[in-house]
Structure formats: structure tokens, C-alpha cells
Amino acid sequence: MRTVQATDRLVSIWIDREEAPTREQMLCLVRQALADRGLTPWPQTEAECFAAGEETLLIARPGPGRRLAFYFGDLEALLEAARALPDGESSLYTYGDGYVLTLPEEAGRAALWEYGRALGPGGEWELHVREQGGCLLDGDALERLRRVFHLESGM
């Protein structure tokens, strides 16, 4: 037996007398619950499954969108990219002798590749560096860089 609750921000499924679902099955159950209620499936899903005896509770929510991470070997290259990128969510980290800028995938522009080097998805990497105290600017790094260095946006 399954009891399902779903909104656009949360899905919970209580499963009684069935085997706990695999990761792939969990994602299918979440997509089906959203579709059954006329809701759009999420591009990314974070899900947790708790099993005890013959009962299982599945809790899912929209996952963060994919993030880009770009390495800049020096401050000048970072500032040139900052000048060419639009305002929006972005974070800046120390990384070796340089800097890493992370931002949502949809904010990616050619300037990132022109002045920096792609490191791949930033999600897990970001969590690790935050724990190590390597975050310099969180949330609005591009805007703050432009303001501090008196840069005009090329956007």
C-alpha cells in the first residue's frame, strides 16, 4: 500500500509492506506522483528514503540546478570575466594560486571560457570547499567584484 502527497515543492510517499525502492525506482515514483497531480517533473531531484521493518518513507524535493565552476589563474582574468557576465547568483572561492567562480548553468557566457578554465559541475566541489573555509564571496560575487573594483558591466 502507498500513501502519496505531492506539491510543486515536496513529495512524500509512505510505502507499507513493500520492499524499499532503489534510487532509480524512487525517482520514477516521484515523477509519477508529480505527473498524477498535473505538476511538472523537476529537472533535478533530491530524495531520501527511510526504511524500518515493512514500512518505508520516501521524501523528495527539487534539487539544485546544475552549477558551473570556472578556475581563474589570476585576479585580472577573474575581473575581465566579471565585467562580461550579468548580475545574478554567483560565489567565489580560493583554489590553489587562483580563484574559482561558481554560478548556475543558465548564467554561463562565453567570457567564462575566454578568461577561465571549466572545472565541471560545481555542486559537490562547492560543498567541500565551503567546509574548508575557502569561500570568499557567497551569493552575489559578480556584483560585489564589480562594485569593489569599480568595473562597468559589459552586459
N, C-alpha and C. Protein backbone atom coordinates (compact mmCIF):
# COMPACT_ATOMS: atom_id res chain seq x y z
N MET A 1 0.83 -1.16 0.00
CA MET A 1 0.00 0.00 0.00
C MET A 1 0.90 1.24 0.00
N ARG A 2 0.48 2.27 -0.73
CA ARG A 2 1.22 3.52 -0.82
C ARG A 2 0.31 4.70 -0.51
N THR A 3 0.83 5.63 0.27
CA THR A 3 0.15 6.88 0.53
C THR A 3 1.04 7.98 -0.01
N VAL A 4 0.49 8.78 -0.94
CA VAL A 4 1.30 9.77 -1.64
C VAL A 4 0.76 11.17 -1.39
N GLN A 5 1.66 12.09 -1.09
CA GLN A 5 1.34 13.51 -1.02
C GLN A 5 2.35 14.22 -1.92
N ALA A 6 1.86 15.15 -2.73
CA ALA A 6 2.76 15.84 -3.66
C ALA A 6 2.32 17.27 -3.87
N THR A 7 3.29 18.16 -3.83
CA THR A 7 3.10 19.56 -4.21
C THR A 7 4.23 19.90 -5.18
N ASP A 8 4.26 21.12 -5.64
CA ASP A 8 5.34 21.50 -6.55
C ASP A 8 6.69 21.59 -5.85
N ARG A 9 6.73 21.57 -4.50
CA ARG A 9 7.98 21.70 -3.74
C ARG A 9 8.33 20.47 -2.91
N LEU A 10 7.43 19.48 -2.79
CA LEU A 10 7.70 18.34 -1.93
C LEU A 10 6.84 17.14 -2.34
N VAL A 11 7.45 15.96 -2.29
CA VAL A 11 6.71 14.71 -2.48
C VAL A 11 7.08 13.80 -1.32
N SER A 12 6.06 13.23 -0.67
CA SER A 12 6.30 12.21 0.34
C SER A 12 5.47 10.98 -0.03
N ILE A 13 6.10 9.84 0.11
CA ILE A 13 5.42 8.57 -0.21
C ILE A 13 5.69 7.61 0.94
N TRP A 14 4.63 7.17 1.57
CA TRP A 14 4.73 6.16 2.62
C TRP A 14 4.40 4.83 1.97
N ILE A 15 5.30 3.89 2.07
CA ILE A 15 5.14 2.58 1.45
C ILE A 15 5.04 1.54 2.55
N ASP A 16 3.97 0.75 2.54
CA ASP A 16 3.74 -0.27 3.57
C ASP A 16 3.73 -1.66 2.93
N ARG A 17 4.50 -2.55 3.50
CA ARG A 17 4.57 -3.96 3.09
C ARG A 17 5.11 -4.16 1.67
N GLU A 18 6.04 -3.29 1.28
CA GLU A 18 6.75 -3.44 0.01
C GLU A 18 8.23 -3.25 0.29
N GLU A 19 9.03 -3.79 -0.58
CA GLU A 19 10.48 -3.60 -0.46
C GLU A 19 10.83 -2.14 -0.73
N ALA A 20 11.84 -1.64 -0.03
CA ALA A 20 12.28 -0.26 -0.24
C ALA A 20 12.74 -0.09 -1.69
N PRO A 21 12.38 1.01 -2.32
CA PRO A 21 12.74 1.23 -3.73
C PRO A 21 14.24 1.53 -3.91
N THR A 22 14.75 1.21 -5.09
CA THR A 22 16.11 1.59 -5.45
C THR A 22 16.12 3.07 -5.80
N ARG A 23 17.29 3.64 -6.03
CA ARG A 23 17.40 5.06 -6.39
C ARG A 23 16.58 5.35 -7.66
N GLU A 24 16.73 4.52 -8.67
CA GLU A 24 16.00 4.73 -9.92
C GLU A 24 14.49 4.61 -9.71
N GLN A 25 14.07 3.66 -8.90
CA GLN A 25 12.65 3.50 -8.61
C GLN A 25 12.10 4.69 -7.83
N MET A 26 12.92 5.23 -6.91
CA MET A 26 12.49 6.41 -6.15
C MET A 26 12.21 7.56 -7.10
N LEU A 27 13.12 7.81 -8.03
CA LEU A 27 12.93 8.92 -8.98
C LEU A 27 11.70 8.70 -9.84
N CYS A 28 11.45 7.47 -10.25
CA CYS A 28 10.25 7.17 -11.04
C CYS A 28 8.98 7.41 -10.21
N LEU A 29 8.99 6.99 -8.96
CA LEU A 29 7.83 7.21 -8.09
C LEU A 29 7.56 8.70 -7.90
N VAL A 30 8.61 9.49 -7.74
CA VAL A 30 8.45 10.93 -7.57
C VAL A 30 7.90 11.57 -8.84
N ARG A 31 8.47 11.21 -9.99
CA ARG A 31 7.97 11.76 -11.26
C ARG A 31 6.50 11.39 -11.48
N GLN A 32 6.15 10.15 -11.15
CA GLN A 32 4.77 9.70 -11.32
C GLN A 32 3.84 10.46 -10.38
N ALA A 33 4.25 10.67 -9.13
CA ALA A 33 3.41 11.41 -8.18
C ALA A 33 3.16 12.83 -8.66
N LEU A 34 4.19 13.48 -9.18
CA LEU A 34 4.02 14.84 -9.72
C LEU A 34 3.10 14.84 -10.94
N ALA A 35 3.33 13.90 -11.85
CA ALA A 35 2.52 13.83 -13.07
C ALA A 35 1.05 13.54 -12.75
N ASP A 36 0.80 12.67 -11.77
CA ASP A 36 -0.58 12.32 -11.39
C ASP A 36 -1.35 13.54 -10.88
N ARG A 37 -0.64 14.52 -10.38
CA ARG A 37 -1.28 15.73 -9.87
C ARG A 37 -1.18 16.89 -10.85
N GLY A 38 -0.75 16.61 -12.07
CA GLY A 38 -0.66 17.64 -13.11
C GLY A 38 0.49 18.61 -12.90
N LEU A 39 1.49 18.19 -12.11
CA LEU A 39 2.65 19.04 -11.84
C LEU A 39 3.81 18.67 -12.76
N THR A 40 4.64 19.63 -13.06
CA THR A 40 5.80 19.39 -13.93
C THR A 40 6.90 18.70 -13.15
N PRO A 41 7.44 17.60 -13.68
CA PRO A 41 8.56 16.94 -13.00
C PRO A 41 9.75 17.89 -12.88
N TRP A 42 10.51 17.73 -11.81
CA TRP A 42 11.65 18.60 -11.54
C TRP A 42 12.84 18.19 -12.39
N PRO A 43 13.64 19.16 -12.85
CA PRO A 43 14.85 18.81 -13.62
C PRO A 43 15.86 18.03 -12.78
N GLN A 44 15.95 18.39 -11.50
CA GLN A 44 16.83 17.70 -10.55
C GLN A 44 16.00 17.34 -9.32
N THR A 45 16.29 16.19 -8.74
CA THR A 45 15.54 15.75 -7.57
C THR A 45 16.49 15.31 -6.47
N GLU A 46 16.24 15.77 -5.26
CA GLU A 46 16.92 15.27 -4.07
C GLU A 46 15.92 14.38 -3.35
N ALA A 47 16.31 13.14 -3.05
CA ALA A 47 15.39 12.22 -2.40
C ALA A 47 16.09 11.45 -1.29
N GLU A 48 15.33 11.19 -0.23
CA GLU A 48 15.82 10.39 0.88
C GLU A 48 14.82 9.30 1.16
N CYS A 49 15.31 8.14 1.54
CA CYS A 49 14.45 7.00 1.79
C CYS A 49 14.79 6.44 3.17
N PHE A 50 13.77 6.27 4.00
CA PHE A 50 13.95 5.75 5.35
C PHE A 50 13.13 4.47 5.48
N ALA A 51 13.78 3.36 5.77
CA ALA A 51 13.10 2.08 5.89
C ALA A 51 13.19 1.57 7.32
N ALA A 52 12.08 1.03 7.82
CA ALA A 52 12.03 0.43 9.15
C ALA A 52 11.03 -0.72 9.10
N GLY A 53 11.53 -1.91 9.23
CA GLY A 53 10.65 -3.07 9.14
C GLY A 53 10.01 -3.16 7.77
N GLU A 54 8.68 -3.23 7.76
CA GLU A 54 7.94 -3.33 6.49
C GLU A 54 7.47 -1.98 5.98
N GLU A 55 7.93 -0.90 6.59
CA GLU A 55 7.49 0.44 6.18
C GLU A 55 8.67 1.24 5.65
N THR A 56 8.38 2.07 4.65
CA THR A 56 9.39 2.93 4.05
C THR A 56 8.78 4.30 3.83
N LEU A 57 9.56 5.33 4.12
CA LEU A 57 9.15 6.70 3.86
C LEU A 57 10.12 7.31 2.86
N LEU A 58 9.58 7.80 1.77
CA LEU A 58 10.36 8.47 0.74
C LEU A 58 10.01 9.96 0.78
N ILE A 59 11.01 10.81 0.92
CA ILE A 59 10.82 12.26 0.91
C ILE A 59 11.68 12.84 -0.20
N ALA A 60 11.06 13.63 -1.08
CA ALA A 60 11.79 14.21 -2.21
C ALA A 60 11.44 15.68 -2.36
N ARG A 61 12.40 16.43 -2.90
CA ARG A 61 12.22 17.85 -3.16
C ARG A 61 13.03 18.20 -4.40
N PRO A 62 12.73 19.34 -5.00
CA PRO A 62 13.52 19.74 -6.17
C PRO A 62 14.99 19.92 -5.77
N GLY A 63 15.86 19.40 -6.60
CA GLY A 63 17.29 19.56 -6.35
C GLY A 63 17.79 20.87 -6.91
N PRO A 64 18.95 21.27 -6.46
CA PRO A 64 19.52 22.50 -7.02
C PRO A 64 19.86 22.28 -8.49
N GLY A 65 19.70 23.33 -9.25
CA GLY A 65 20.09 23.22 -10.66
C GLY A 65 21.58 22.99 -10.77
N ARG A 66 21.99 22.53 -11.90
CA ARG A 66 23.41 22.27 -12.13
C ARG A 66 24.18 23.58 -12.09
N ARG A 67 25.36 23.53 -11.47
CA ARG A 67 26.19 24.72 -11.34
C ARG A 67 27.48 24.54 -12.11
N LEU A 68 27.96 25.65 -12.66
CA LEU A 68 29.24 25.67 -13.35
C LEU A 68 30.32 26.13 -12.39
N ALA A 69 31.53 25.64 -12.58
CA ALA A 69 32.68 26.08 -11.79
C ALA A 69 33.82 26.39 -12.75
N PHE A 70 34.37 27.60 -12.65
CA PHE A 70 35.46 28.04 -13.53
C PHE A 70 36.65 28.52 -12.72
N TYR A 71 37.84 28.06 -13.11
CA TYR A 71 39.09 28.45 -12.47
C TYR A 71 39.71 29.65 -13.20
N PHE A 72 40.16 30.63 -12.43
CA PHE A 72 40.87 31.79 -12.95
C PHE A 72 42.22 31.86 -12.27
N GLY A 73 43.29 31.86 -13.06
CA GLY A 73 44.65 31.81 -12.52
C GLY A 73 45.10 33.08 -11.84
N ASP A 74 44.45 34.19 -12.16
CA ASP A 74 44.84 35.45 -11.52
C ASP A 74 43.64 36.38 -11.42
N LEU A 75 43.81 37.43 -10.63
CA LEU A 75 42.72 38.36 -10.38
C LEU A 75 42.30 39.09 -11.66
N GLU A 76 43.25 39.41 -12.50
CA GLU A 76 42.93 40.14 -13.74
C GLU A 76 41.97 39.34 -14.63
N ALA A 77 42.23 38.06 -14.81
CA ALA A 77 41.34 37.23 -15.63
C ALA A 77 39.95 37.14 -14.99
N LEU A 78 39.90 36.99 -13.68
CA LEU A 78 38.62 36.93 -12.98
C LEU A 78 37.83 38.22 -13.18
N LEU A 79 38.50 39.36 -13.07
CA LEU A 79 37.81 40.64 -13.21
C LEU A 79 37.34 40.87 -14.64
N GLU A 80 38.09 40.42 -15.63
CA GLU A 80 37.64 40.54 -17.02
C GLU A 80 36.37 39.72 -17.24
N ALA A 81 36.33 38.53 -16.69
CA ALA A 81 35.11 37.71 -16.80
C ALA A 81 33.96 38.38 -16.06
N ALA A 82 34.23 38.90 -14.86
CA ALA A 82 33.18 39.56 -14.07
C ALA A 82 32.58 40.75 -14.83
N ARG A 83 33.41 41.44 -15.57
CA ARG A 83 32.94 42.59 -16.34
C ARG A 83 31.96 42.14 -17.45
N ALA A 84 32.16 40.96 -17.97
CA ALA A 84 31.36 40.50 -19.11
C ALA A 84 30.14 39.65 -18.72
N LEU A 85 29.98 39.34 -17.44
CA LEU A 85 28.88 38.48 -17.01
C LEU A 85 27.75 39.29 -16.39
N PRO A 86 26.53 38.79 -16.48
CA PRO A 86 25.39 39.50 -15.89
C PRO A 86 25.32 39.31 -14.38
N ASP A 87 24.59 40.20 -13.72
CA ASP A 87 24.32 40.04 -12.29
C ASP A 87 23.57 38.74 -12.09
N GLY A 88 23.63 38.26 -10.90
CA GLY A 88 22.90 37.04 -10.55
C GLY A 88 23.67 36.25 -9.52
N GLU A 89 23.11 35.13 -9.14
CA GLU A 89 23.70 34.29 -8.12
C GLU A 89 25.07 33.80 -8.57
N SER A 90 26.09 34.00 -7.74
CA SER A 90 27.45 33.54 -8.03
C SER A 90 28.24 33.54 -6.72
N SER A 91 29.24 32.65 -6.65
CA SER A 91 30.09 32.58 -5.46
C SER A 91 31.53 32.47 -5.90
N LEU A 92 32.44 32.96 -5.05
CA LEU A 92 33.86 32.98 -5.36
C LEU A 92 34.63 32.26 -4.27
N TYR A 93 35.59 31.43 -4.68
CA TYR A 93 36.38 30.61 -3.77
C TYR A 93 37.86 30.74 -4.08
N THR A 94 38.69 30.51 -3.06
CA THR A 94 40.12 30.38 -3.30
C THR A 94 40.37 28.96 -3.79
N TYR A 95 41.37 28.81 -4.64
CA TYR A 95 41.67 27.48 -5.17
C TYR A 95 43.12 27.49 -5.64
N GLY A 96 44.00 26.84 -4.89
CA GLY A 96 45.42 26.86 -5.22
C GLY A 96 45.92 28.29 -5.24
N ASP A 97 46.54 28.68 -6.35
CA ASP A 97 47.05 30.05 -6.50
C ASP A 97 46.05 30.96 -7.19
N GLY A 98 44.84 30.48 -7.44
CA GLY A 98 43.86 31.28 -8.17
C GLY A 98 42.52 31.31 -7.47
N TYR A 99 41.48 31.42 -8.31
CA TYR A 99 40.11 31.59 -7.83
C TYR A 99 39.18 30.69 -8.63
N VAL A 100 38.09 30.31 -7.99
CA VAL A 100 37.04 29.58 -8.69
C VAL A 100 35.73 30.34 -8.51
N LEU A 101 35.06 30.58 -9.62
CA LEU A 101 33.77 31.24 -9.64
C LEU A 101 32.73 30.18 -9.97
N THR A 102 31.66 30.11 -9.17
CA THR A 102 30.57 29.17 -9.46
C THR A 102 29.29 29.96 -9.69
N LEU A 103 28.47 29.46 -10.60
CA LEU A 103 27.21 30.11 -10.92
C LEU A 103 26.28 29.10 -11.58
N PRO A 104 24.98 29.39 -11.62
CA PRO A 104 24.04 28.48 -12.24
C PRO A 104 24.37 28.28 -13.72
N GLU A 105 24.07 27.09 -14.20
CA GLU A 105 24.38 26.75 -15.59
C GLU A 105 23.79 27.75 -16.59
N GLU A 106 22.59 28.23 -16.32
CA GLU A 106 21.94 29.15 -17.26
C GLU A 106 22.63 30.52 -17.32
N ALA A 107 23.49 30.82 -16.36
CA ALA A 107 24.21 32.10 -16.36
C ALA A 107 25.52 32.03 -17.14
N GLY A 108 25.87 30.86 -17.66
CA GLY A 108 27.12 30.70 -18.39
C GLY A 108 27.17 31.56 -19.64
N ARG A 109 28.29 32.21 -19.87
CA ARG A 109 28.53 33.05 -21.04
C ARG A 109 29.92 32.73 -21.59
N ALA A 110 30.19 33.14 -22.80
CA ALA A 110 31.47 32.87 -23.45
C ALA A 110 32.64 33.40 -22.64
N ALA A 111 32.46 34.48 -21.91
CA ALA A 111 33.55 35.07 -21.12
C ALA A 111 34.13 34.08 -20.12
N LEU A 112 33.31 33.18 -19.63
CA LEU A 112 33.82 32.18 -18.69
C LEU A 112 34.91 31.34 -19.35
N TRP A 113 34.67 30.89 -20.58
CA TRP A 113 35.64 30.06 -21.28
C TRP A 113 36.80 30.90 -21.83
N GLU A 114 36.52 32.16 -22.11
CA GLU A 114 37.57 33.03 -22.66
C GLU A 114 38.63 33.35 -21.61
N TYR A 115 38.22 33.61 -20.39
CA TYR A 115 39.15 34.03 -19.35
C TYR A 115 39.47 32.95 -18.31
N GLY A 116 38.63 31.91 -18.25
CA GLY A 116 38.82 30.88 -17.23
C GLY A 116 38.86 29.50 -17.83
N ARG A 117 38.97 28.50 -16.97
CA ARG A 117 39.02 27.10 -17.38
C ARG A 117 37.93 26.35 -16.62
N ALA A 118 37.08 25.64 -17.36
CA ALA A 118 35.97 24.91 -16.74
C ALA A 118 36.49 23.78 -15.86
N LEU A 119 35.91 23.67 -14.67
CA LEU A 119 36.26 22.58 -13.77
C LEU A 119 35.18 21.51 -13.75
N GLY A 120 34.10 21.71 -14.45
CA GLY A 120 33.00 20.77 -14.43
C GLY A 120 31.94 21.23 -13.44
N PRO A 121 30.98 20.38 -13.12
CA PRO A 121 29.92 20.76 -12.21
C PRO A 121 30.48 21.19 -10.85
N GLY A 122 29.88 22.24 -10.28
CA GLY A 122 30.40 22.79 -9.04
C GLY A 122 29.75 22.30 -7.76
N GLY A 123 28.67 21.55 -7.83
CA GLY A 123 27.89 21.21 -6.63
C GLY A 123 28.67 20.56 -5.51
N GLU A 124 29.21 19.38 -5.71
CA GLU A 124 29.92 18.66 -4.65
C GLU A 124 31.22 19.37 -4.29
N TRP A 125 31.91 19.89 -5.28
CA TRP A 125 33.16 20.61 -5.04
C TRP A 125 32.90 21.81 -4.13
N GLU A 126 31.82 22.53 -4.40
CA GLU A 126 31.48 23.71 -3.60
C GLU A 126 31.25 23.37 -2.13
N LEU A 127 30.53 22.28 -1.89
CA LEU A 127 30.27 21.88 -0.51
C LEU A 127 31.57 21.61 0.23
N HIS A 128 32.49 20.92 -0.42
CA HIS A 128 33.77 20.60 0.19
C HIS A 128 34.56 21.86 0.52
N VAL A 129 34.68 22.78 -0.43
CA VAL A 129 35.48 23.99 -0.22
C VAL A 129 34.83 24.88 0.84
N ARG A 130 33.51 24.93 0.88
CA ARG A 130 32.84 25.71 1.93
C ARG A 130 33.22 25.18 3.31
N GLU A 131 33.22 23.86 3.45
CA GLU A 131 33.57 23.24 4.72
C GLU A 131 34.99 23.58 5.13
N GLN A 132 35.88 23.78 4.15
CA GLN A 132 37.28 24.09 4.42
C GLN A 132 37.52 25.58 4.60
N GLY A 133 36.49 26.40 4.52
CA GLY A 133 36.62 27.83 4.73
C GLY A 133 37.16 28.57 3.52
N GLY A 134 37.00 28.01 2.31
CA GLY A 134 37.56 28.63 1.11
C GLY A 134 36.62 29.57 0.38
N CYS A 135 35.45 29.84 0.93
CA CYS A 135 34.50 30.73 0.25
C CYS A 135 34.85 32.18 0.57
N LEU A 136 35.12 32.96 -0.47
CA LEU A 136 35.44 34.39 -0.32
C LEU A 136 34.21 35.27 -0.39
N LEU A 137 33.36 35.03 -1.39
CA LEU A 137 32.15 35.82 -1.60
C LEU A 137 31.01 34.85 -1.91
N ASP A 138 29.92 34.95 -1.19
CA ASP A 138 28.83 33.99 -1.35
C ASP A 138 27.56 34.67 -1.82
N GLY A 139 27.01 34.16 -2.92
CA GLY A 139 25.69 34.61 -3.37
C GLY A 139 25.67 35.69 -4.42
N ASP A 140 26.50 36.72 -4.28
CA ASP A 140 26.48 37.82 -5.23
C ASP A 140 27.91 38.25 -5.59
N ALA A 141 28.77 37.29 -5.81
CA ALA A 141 30.20 37.55 -6.05
C ALA A 141 30.44 38.50 -7.22
N LEU A 142 29.75 38.30 -8.33
CA LEU A 142 30.00 39.14 -9.51
C LEU A 142 29.66 40.60 -9.23
N GLU A 143 28.52 40.83 -8.61
CA GLU A 143 28.12 42.21 -8.30
C GLU A 143 29.12 42.86 -7.34
N ARG A 144 29.55 42.13 -6.34
CA ARG A 144 30.47 42.68 -5.36
C ARG A 144 31.85 42.94 -5.96
N LEU A 145 32.31 42.06 -6.84
CA LEU A 145 33.59 42.30 -7.51
C LEU A 145 33.53 43.58 -8.35
N ARG A 146 32.45 43.73 -9.09
CA ARG A 146 32.33 44.93 -9.93
C ARG A 146 32.27 46.20 -9.07
N ARG A 147 31.57 46.12 -7.96
CA ARG A 147 31.43 47.29 -7.08
C ARG A 147 32.77 47.63 -6.43
N VAL A 148 33.48 46.65 -5.89
CA VAL A 148 34.74 46.90 -5.18
C VAL A 148 35.82 47.39 -6.14
N PHE A 149 35.86 46.81 -7.35
CA PHE A 149 36.92 47.19 -8.30
C PHE A 149 36.46 48.25 -9.31
N HIS A 150 35.28 48.81 -9.08
CA HIS A 150 34.74 49.87 -9.94
C HIS A 150 34.72 49.47 -11.42
N LEU A 151 34.17 48.28 -11.66
CA LEU A 151 34.07 47.77 -13.03
C LEU A 151 32.69 48.10 -13.60
N GLU A 152 32.66 48.44 -14.85
CA GLU A 152 31.37 48.61 -15.53
C GLU A 152 31.04 47.28 -16.19
N SER A 153 29.79 46.90 -16.07
CA SER A 153 29.35 45.66 -16.67
C SER A 153 29.24 45.81 -18.17
N GLY A 154 29.72 44.80 -18.89
CA GLY A 154 29.61 44.80 -20.35
C GLY A 154 28.27 44.27 -20.82
N MET A 155 27.41 43.94 -19.87
CA MET A 155 26.10 43.37 -20.21
C MET A 155 25.08 44.47 -20.42
